[in-house]
Amino acid sequence: MKLDLTLITARIWRNTGYKSTAQGLAELTSLDYDVSVRPLAAKLKASVLVISFIGSYGYGSRGNKDAILMEAVIGASLETWPSIQAIILNLRQLSYRWGDAIDKAFVGSPLMLVISDINREGLTSFVDEEMQAEPSEWLYESFDAAVMELEKRLEAQKYLLHYYQGRGYVEYTLKDNQLFITRSYLNDKLISEESYFQNKVTHRKIWGKDGTLTLDKAF
């Protein structure tokens, strides 16, 4: 399905200051898109936003305007369905070789990318080199494989995403339908803290580099 055009153009204006109309949108980019909401396994009582992009993403900086549309469509989708945070980006019909601005489209969590022959090499390189992440944890060869992994993460309520070359990992935890980074290790050192809001109280935990909990406070 297509989204309300005013939501997309408003997002573009908010993100870039570029005023766009339906005609202007066609001049901005030739990419097309489709949005749907699909239920996941019944036991999860959850759904996922499936957002497809179709066309050719411009090489290098020529793809910046394509990224603007992608970011706006995803933002408008999350605005339309605010209770759904999990996203599968179906990119099987999007040709892509290179372009840093595509990271604007990698929002929402958990996020899975479905790829194909026309973008596998480019997206693998981007996830590895620019995101410094493990491609196998982001890129999936089929929609079913992406759904299976997404359901696994949602059911577990906690999962890890690794930095490339095994340098470390980020631990994510789902609480009250929200996703939090609870710990982050880099080169075997604990480098992050946990902060979340629960029952009108802010809870904060900080660990030292040796893994010792140095602060556990509610205020």
C-alpha atoms as a PDB file:
ATOM      1  CA  MET A   1       0.000   0.000   0.000  1.00  0.00           C
ATOM      2  CA  LYS A   2       0.959   3.640  -0.422  1.00  0.00           C
ATOM      3  CA  LEU A   3       1.150   6.110   2.436  1.00  0.00           C
ATOM      4  CA  ASP A   4      -0.531   9.484   2.719  1.00  0.00           C
ATOM      5  CA  LEU A   5       1.634  11.659   0.483  1.00  0.00           C
ATOM      6  CA  THR A   6       1.451  14.568   2.914  1.00  0.00           C
ATOM      7  CA  LEU A   7       3.155  12.434   5.568  1.00  0.00           C
ATOM      8  CA  ILE A   8       6.057  11.725   3.231  1.00  0.00           C
ATOM      9  CA  THR A   9       6.471  15.285   2.002  1.00  0.00           C
ATOM     10  CA  ALA A  10       6.248  16.589   5.579  1.00  0.00           C
ATOM     11  CA  ARG A  11       8.986  14.182   6.593  1.00  0.00           C
ATOM     12  CA  ILE A  12      11.181  15.312   3.722  1.00  0.00           C
ATOM     13  CA  TRP A  13      10.629  18.941   4.699  1.00  0.00           C
ATOM     14  CA  ARG A  14      11.407  18.163   8.342  1.00  0.00           C
ATOM     15  CA  ASN A  15      14.556  16.181   7.518  1.00  0.00           C
ATOM     16  CA  THR A  16      16.022  18.294   4.725  1.00  0.00           C
ATOM     17  CA  GLY A  17      14.118  21.578   4.352  1.00  0.00           C
ATOM     18  CA  TYR A  18      13.191  20.515   0.820  1.00  0.00           C
ATOM     19  CA  LYS A  19       9.586  21.373  -0.070  1.00  0.00           C
ATOM     20  CA  SER A  20       8.113  18.616  -2.181  1.00  0.00           C
ATOM     21  CA  THR A  21       4.847  17.888  -3.949  1.00  0.00           C
ATOM     22  CA  ALA A  22       3.753  14.742  -5.764  1.00  0.00           C
ATOM     23  CA  GLN A  23       5.374  16.082  -8.919  1.00  0.00           C
ATOM     24  CA  GLY A  24       8.436  17.200  -7.006  1.00  0.00           C
ATOM     25  CA  LEU A  25       8.749  13.785  -5.426  1.00  0.00           C
ATOM     26  CA  ALA A  26       8.916  12.193  -8.862  1.00  0.00           C
ATOM     27  CA  GLU A  27      11.654  14.649  -9.776  1.00  0.00           C
ATOM     28  CA  LEU A  28      13.522  13.925  -6.540  1.00  0.00           C
ATOM     29  CA  THR A  29      13.867  10.182  -7.118  1.00  0.00           C
ATOM     30  CA  SER A  30      12.668   7.429  -9.408  1.00  0.00           C
ATOM     31  CA  LEU A  31      12.400   4.884  -6.584  1.00  0.00           C
ATOM     32  CA  ASP A  32       9.033   3.320  -5.831  1.00  0.00           C
ATOM     33  CA  TYR A  33       7.926   1.744  -2.561  1.00  0.00           C
ATOM     34  CA  ASP A  34       5.295  -0.410  -0.922  1.00  0.00           C
ATOM     35  CA  VAL A  35       4.313  -0.739   2.740  1.00  0.00           C
ATOM     36  CA  SER A  36       2.434  -3.533   4.471  1.00  0.00           C
ATOM     37  CA  VAL A  37       1.863  -4.799   8.006  1.00  0.00           C
ATOM     38  CA  ARG A  38       2.213  -8.531   8.571  1.00  0.00           C
ATOM     39  CA  PRO A  39       1.475 -10.534  11.709  1.00  0.00           C
ATOM     40  CA  LEU A  40       4.223 -12.609  13.243  1.00  0.00           C
ATOM     41  CA  ALA A  41       3.836 -15.909  15.099  1.00  0.00           C
ATOM     42  CA  ALA A  42       0.614 -15.902  17.142  1.00  0.00           C
ATOM     43  CA  LYS A  43       2.445 -16.497  20.433  1.00  0.00           C
ATOM     44  CA  LEU A  44       4.335 -13.204  19.990  1.00  0.00           C
ATOM     45  CA  LYS A  45       1.180 -11.102  19.568  1.00  0.00           C
ATOM     46  CA  ALA A  46       3.201  -8.783  17.363  1.00  0.00           C
ATOM     47  CA  SER A  47       3.395  -7.510  13.798  1.00  0.00           C
ATOM     48  CA  VAL A  48       6.162  -6.245  11.549  1.00  0.00           C
ATOM     49  CA  LEU A  49       6.315  -3.395   9.068  1.00  0.00           C
ATOM     50  CA  VAL A  50       7.421  -4.676   5.673  1.00  0.00           C
ATOM     51  CA  ILE A  51       8.712  -1.826   3.526  1.00  0.00           C
ATOM     52  CA  SER A  52       9.820  -2.572  -0.024  1.00  0.00           C
ATOM     53  CA  PHE A  53      11.858  -0.274  -2.251  1.00  0.00           C
ATOM     54  CA  ILE A  54      11.985  -0.800  -5.993  1.00  0.00           C
ATOM     55  CA  GLY A  55      14.324   0.753  -8.528  1.00  0.00           C
ATOM     56  CA  SER A  56      17.939   1.766  -8.864  1.00  0.00           C
ATOM     57  CA  TYR A  57      19.731   3.502  -6.000  1.00  0.00           C
ATOM     58  CA  GLY A  58      22.127   6.096  -7.381  1.00  0.00           C
ATOM     59  CA  TYR A  59      25.851   5.398  -7.120  1.00  0.00           C
ATOM     60  CA  GLY A  60      27.691   7.395  -4.463  1.00  0.00           C
ATOM     61  CA  SER A  61      26.327  10.885  -3.841  1.00  0.00           C
ATOM     62  CA  ARG A  62      23.842  10.422  -6.694  1.00  0.00           C
ATOM     63  CA  GLY A  63      21.909   8.203  -4.297  1.00  0.00           C
ATOM     64  CA  ASN A  64      21.463  10.939  -1.677  1.00  0.00           C
ATOM     65  CA  LYS A  65      18.005  11.889  -2.956  1.00  0.00           C
ATOM     66  CA  ASP A  66      16.983   8.237  -3.056  1.00  0.00           C
ATOM     67  CA  ALA A  67      17.994   7.979   0.605  1.00  0.00           C
ATOM     68  CA  ILE A  68      15.848  11.031   1.396  1.00  0.00           C
ATOM     69  CA  LEU A  69      12.771   9.230   0.078  1.00  0.00           C
ATOM     70  CA  MET A  70      13.634   6.007   1.886  1.00  0.00           C
ATOM     71  CA  GLU A  71      14.118   7.817   5.189  1.00  0.00           C
ATOM     72  CA  ALA A  72      10.823   9.694   4.750  1.00  0.00           C
ATOM     73  CA  VAL A  73       8.825   6.573   3.857  1.00  0.00           C
ATOM     74  CA  ILE A  74      10.169   4.655   6.855  1.00  0.00           C
ATOM     75  CA  GLY A  75       9.566   7.583   9.206  1.00  0.00           C
ATOM     76  CA  ALA A  76       6.028   8.046   7.894  1.00  0.00           C
ATOM     77  CA  SER A  77       5.371   4.312   8.284  1.00  0.00           C
ATOM     78  CA  LEU A  78       6.470   4.376  11.920  1.00  0.00           C
ATOM     79  CA  GLU A  79       4.281   7.438  12.442  1.00  0.00           C
ATOM     80  CA  THR A  80       1.277   5.675  10.876  1.00  0.00           C
ATOM     81  CA  TRP A  81       1.771   2.515  12.966  1.00  0.00           C
ATOM     82  CA  PRO A  82       3.479   3.797  16.160  1.00  0.00           C
ATOM     83  CA  SER A  83       2.981   0.549  18.071  1.00  0.00           C
ATOM     84  CA  ILE A  84       5.108  -1.395  15.558  1.00  0.00           C
ATOM     85  CA  GLN A  85       8.857  -0.905  15.804  1.00  0.00           C
ATOM     86  CA  ALA A  86      10.148  -4.038  14.059  1.00  0.00           C
ATOM     87  CA  ILE A  87      10.913  -3.493  10.363  1.00  0.00           C
ATOM     88  CA  ILE A  88      11.832  -5.735   7.487  1.00  0.00           C
ATOM     89  CA  LEU A  89      13.231  -3.791   4.536  1.00  0.00           C
ATOM     90  CA  ASN A  90      12.553  -5.815   1.396  1.00  0.00           C
ATOM     91  CA  LEU A  91      15.331  -4.632  -0.911  1.00  0.00           C
ATOM     92  CA  ARG A  92      15.247  -7.532  -3.350  1.00  0.00           C
ATOM     93  CA  GLN A  93      14.178  -5.230  -6.198  1.00  0.00           C
ATOM     94  CA  LEU A  94      16.513  -2.358  -5.293  1.00  0.00           C
ATOM     95  CA  SER A  95      19.791  -2.301  -7.174  1.00  0.00           C
ATOM     96  CA  TYR A  96      22.578  -0.852  -5.030  1.00  0.00           C
ATOM     97  CA  ARG A  97      26.339  -0.683  -5.467  1.00  0.00           C
ATOM     98  CA  TRP A  98      27.510   2.088  -3.146  1.00  0.00           C
ATOM     99  CA  GLY A  99      26.352   5.200  -1.320  1.00  0.00           C
ATOM    100  CA  ASP A 100      26.792   6.147   2.338  1.00  0.00           C
ATOM    101  CA  ALA A 101      23.491   8.027   2.619  1.00  0.00           C
ATOM    102  CA  ILE A 102      21.542   4.773   2.550  1.00  0.00           C
ATOM    103  CA  ASP A 103      22.187   4.553   6.286  1.00  0.00           C
ATOM    104  CA  LYS A 104      19.325   7.055   6.652  1.00  0.00           C
ATOM    105  CA  ALA A 105      17.022   4.150   5.825  1.00  0.00           C
ATOM    106  CA  PHE A 106      18.407   1.880   8.511  1.00  0.00           C
ATOM    107  CA  VAL A 107      16.103   3.039  11.312  1.00  0.00           C
ATOM    108  CA  GLY A 108      13.680   1.176  13.541  1.00  0.00           C
ATOM    109  CA  SER A 109      14.544  -1.788  15.716  1.00  0.00           C
ATOM    110  CA  PRO A 110      14.739  -4.673  15.324  1.00  0.00           C
ATOM    111  CA  LEU A 111      15.645  -4.176  11.646  1.00  0.00           C
ATOM    112  CA  MET A 112      16.234  -6.876   9.027  1.00  0.00           C
ATOM    113  CA  LEU A 113      17.259  -6.398   5.368  1.00  0.00           C
ATOM    114  CA  VAL A 114      16.232  -8.820   2.620  1.00  0.00           C
ATOM    115  CA  ILE A 115      18.701  -8.730  -0.274  1.00  0.00           C
ATOM    116  CA  SER A 116      19.260 -10.231  -3.727  1.00  0.00           C
ATOM    117  CA  ASP A 117      21.872 -10.534  -6.471  1.00  0.00           C
ATOM    118  CA  ILE A 118      21.427  -6.886  -7.513  1.00  0.00           C
ATOM    119  CA  ASN A 119      22.590  -5.486  -4.162  1.00  0.00           C
ATOM    120  CA  ARG A 120      24.275  -8.261  -2.182  1.00  0.00           C
ATOM    121  CA  GLU A 121      27.844  -7.162  -2.835  1.00  0.00           C
ATOM    122  CA  GLY A 122      27.167  -3.478  -2.204  1.00  0.00           C
ATOM    123  CA  LEU A 123      25.118  -3.945   0.964  1.00  0.00           C
ATOM    124  CA  THR A 124      27.510  -6.532   2.392  1.00  0.00           C
ATOM    125  CA  SER A 125      30.359  -4.074   1.911  1.00  0.00           C
ATOM    126  CA  PHE A 126      28.332  -1.236   3.446  1.00  0.00           C
ATOM    127  CA  VAL A 127      27.347  -3.190   6.563  1.00  0.00           C
ATOM    128  CA  ASP A 128      30.895  -4.464   7.017  1.00  0.00           C
ATOM    129  CA  GLU A 129      32.893  -1.312   6.297  1.00  0.00           C
ATOM    130  CA  GLU A 130      30.569   1.577   7.170  1.00  0.00           C
ATOM    131  CA  MET A 131      28.389   0.096   9.907  1.00  0.00           C
ATOM    132  CA  GLN A 132      31.301  -2.027  11.167  1.00  0.00           C
ATOM    133  CA  ALA A 133      28.784  -4.772  11.826  1.00  0.00           C
ATOM    134  CA  GLU A 134      28.485  -8.462  11.030  1.00  0.00           C
ATOM    135  CA  PRO A 135      26.590  -8.717   7.676  1.00  0.00           C
ATOM    136  CA  SER A 136      25.051 -12.114   8.466  1.00  0.00           C
ATOM    137  CA  GLU A 137      23.120 -10.530  11.355  1.00  0.00           C
ATOM    138  CA  TRP A 138      21.581  -7.829   9.136  1.00  0.00           C
ATOM    139  CA  LEU A 139      21.260  -9.273   5.627  1.00  0.00           C
ATOM    140  CA  TYR A 140      18.948 -12.153   4.701  1.00  0.00           C
ATOM    141  CA  GLU A 141      18.541 -14.008   1.437  1.00  0.00           C
ATOM    142  CA  SER A 142      14.784 -14.514   1.781  1.00  0.00           C
ATOM    143  CA  PHE A 143      11.808 -12.937   3.476  1.00  0.00           C
ATOM    144  CA  ASP A 144      11.113 -16.153   5.387  1.00  0.00           C
ATOM    145  CA  ALA A 145      14.664 -16.227   6.776  1.00  0.00           C
ATOM    146  CA  ALA A 146      14.315 -12.618   7.979  1.00  0.00           C
ATOM    147  CA  VAL A 147      10.969 -13.367   9.642  1.00  0.00           C
ATOM    148  CA  MET A 148      12.383 -16.469  11.344  1.00  0.00           C
ATOM    149  CA  GLU A 149      15.295 -14.529  12.848  1.00  0.00           C
ATOM    150  CA  LEU A 150      13.064 -11.608  13.848  1.00  0.00           C
ATOM    151  CA  GLU A 151      10.653 -13.919  15.674  1.00  0.00           C
ATOM    152  CA  LYS A 152      13.592 -15.571  17.410  1.00  0.00           C
ATOM    153  CA  ARG A 153      14.854 -12.221  18.699  1.00  0.00           C
ATOM    154  CA  LEU A 154      11.428 -11.037  19.827  1.00  0.00           C
ATOM    155  CA  GLU A 155      10.735 -14.288  21.652  1.00  0.00           C
ATOM    156  CA  ALA A 156      14.105 -14.199  23.417  1.00  0.00           C
ATOM    157  CA  GLN A 157      13.580 -10.557  24.484  1.00  0.00           C
ATOM    158  CA  LYS A 158      17.372 -10.185  24.401  1.00  0.00           C
ATOM    159  CA  TYR A 159      19.938 -10.645  21.639  1.00  0.00           C
ATOM    160  CA  LEU A 160      23.418  -9.659  20.516  1.00  0.00           C
ATOM    161  CA  LEU A 161      24.611  -7.934  17.349  1.00  0.00           C
ATOM    162  CA  HIS A 162      28.330  -8.198  16.723  1.00  0.00           C
ATOM    163  CA  TYR A 163      30.916  -5.780  15.429  1.00  0.00           C
ATOM    164  CA  TYR A 164      32.759  -6.929  12.332  1.00  0.00           C
ATOM    165  CA  GLN A 165      35.783  -9.198  12.685  1.00  0.00           C
ATOM    166  CA  GLY A 166      34.646 -10.245  16.157  1.00  0.00           C
ATOM    167  CA  ARG A 167      35.765  -7.008  17.817  1.00  0.00           C
ATOM    168  CA  GLY A 168      32.842  -6.915  20.234  1.00  0.00           C
ATOM    169  CA  TYR A 169      29.079  -6.848  20.462  1.00  0.00           C
ATOM    170  CA  VAL A 170      26.042  -4.832  21.496  1.00  0.00           C
ATOM    171  CA  GLU A 171      23.410  -6.397  23.735  1.00  0.00           C
ATOM    172  CA  TYR A 172      19.799  -5.387  23.041  1.00  0.00           C
ATOM    173  CA  THR A 173      16.896  -5.975  25.426  1.00  0.00           C
ATOM    174  CA  LEU A 174      13.180  -5.592  24.750  1.00  0.00           C
ATOM    175  CA  LYS A 175      11.168  -4.050  27.571  1.00  0.00           C
ATOM    176  CA  ASP A 176       7.579  -2.847  27.385  1.00  0.00           C
ATOM    177  CA  ASN A 177       7.678  -3.022  23.580  1.00  0.00           C
ATOM    178  CA  GLN A 178      10.787  -0.818  23.508  1.00  0.00           C
ATOM    179  CA  LEU A 179      14.313  -1.802  22.569  1.00  0.00           C
ATOM    180  CA  PHE A 180      17.228  -0.774  24.763  1.00  0.00           C
ATOM    181  CA  ILE A 181      20.973  -1.138  24.419  1.00  0.00           C
ATOM    182  CA  THR A 182      21.827  -2.719  27.745  1.00  0.00           C
ATOM    183  CA  ARG A 183      25.512  -3.467  27.299  1.00  0.00           C
ATOM    184  CA  SER A 184      28.172  -2.853  24.681  1.00  0.00           C
ATOM    185  CA  TYR A 185      31.569  -4.528  24.512  1.00  0.00           C
ATOM    186  CA  LEU A 186      34.401  -3.441  22.237  1.00  0.00           C
ATOM    187  CA  ASN A 187      37.761  -5.186  22.277  1.00  0.00           C
ATOM    188  CA  ASP A 188      36.662  -7.085  25.414  1.00  0.00           C
ATOM    189  CA  LYS A 189      35.920  -3.874  27.331  1.00  0.00           C
ATOM    190  CA  LEU A 190      32.481  -2.958  28.628  1.00  0.00           C
ATOM    191  CA  ILE A 191      31.861   0.544  27.329  1.00  0.00           C
ATOM    192  CA  SER A 192      28.166   1.343  27.767  1.00  0.00           C
ATOM    193  CA  GLU A 193      25.457   1.863  30.311  1.00  0.00           C
ATOM    194  CA  GLU A 194      21.796   0.984  30.602  1.00  0.00           C
ATOM    195  CA  SER A 195      19.127   3.630  31.079  1.00  0.00           C
ATOM    196  CA  TYR A 196      15.400   3.071  30.858  1.00  0.00           C
ATOM    197  CA  PHE A 197      12.100   4.474  32.147  1.00  0.00           C
ATOM    198  CA  GLN A 198       9.770   2.258  34.156  1.00  0.00           C
ATOM    199  CA  ASN A 199       6.820   3.009  36.427  1.00  0.00           C
ATOM    200  CA  LYS A 200       7.525   6.752  36.236  1.00  0.00           C
ATOM    201  CA  VAL A 201      11.052   6.179  37.567  1.00  0.00           C
ATOM    202  CA  THR A 202      14.301   6.496  35.636  1.00  0.00           C
ATOM    203  CA  HIS A 203      16.663   3.590  36.262  1.00  0.00           C
ATOM    204  CA  ARG A 204      20.333   3.882  35.448  1.00  0.00           C
ATOM    205  CA  LYS A 205      23.062   1.276  35.544  1.00  0.00           C
ATOM    206  CA  ILE A 206      26.722   1.803  34.693  1.00  0.00           C
ATOM    207  CA  TRP A 207      29.399  -0.887  34.481  1.00  0.00           C
ATOM    208  CA  GLY A 208      33.124  -0.386  34.711  1.00  0.00           C
ATOM    209  CA  LYS A 209      35.518  -1.711  32.095  1.00  0.00           C
ATOM    210  CA  ASP A 210      36.137  -4.780  34.231  1.00  0.00           C
ATOM    211  CA  GLY A 211      32.431  -5.625  34.157  1.00  0.00           C
ATOM    212  CA  THR A 212      31.739  -4.466  37.713  1.00  0.00           C
ATOM    213  CA  LEU A 213      28.429  -2.689  38.272  1.00  0.00           C
ATOM    214  CA  THR A 214      29.470   0.738  39.576  1.00  0.00           C
ATOM    215  CA  LEU A 215      26.067   2.435  39.699  1.00  0.00           C
ATOM    216  CA  ASP A 216      22.518   1.087  40.046  1.00  0.00           C
ATOM    217  CA  LYS A 217      20.215   3.965  40.848  1.00  0.00           C
ATOM    218  CA  ALA A 218      16.563   4.891  40.495  1.00  0.00           C
ATOM    219  CA  PHE A 219      15.623   8.572  40.598  1.00  0.00           C
END
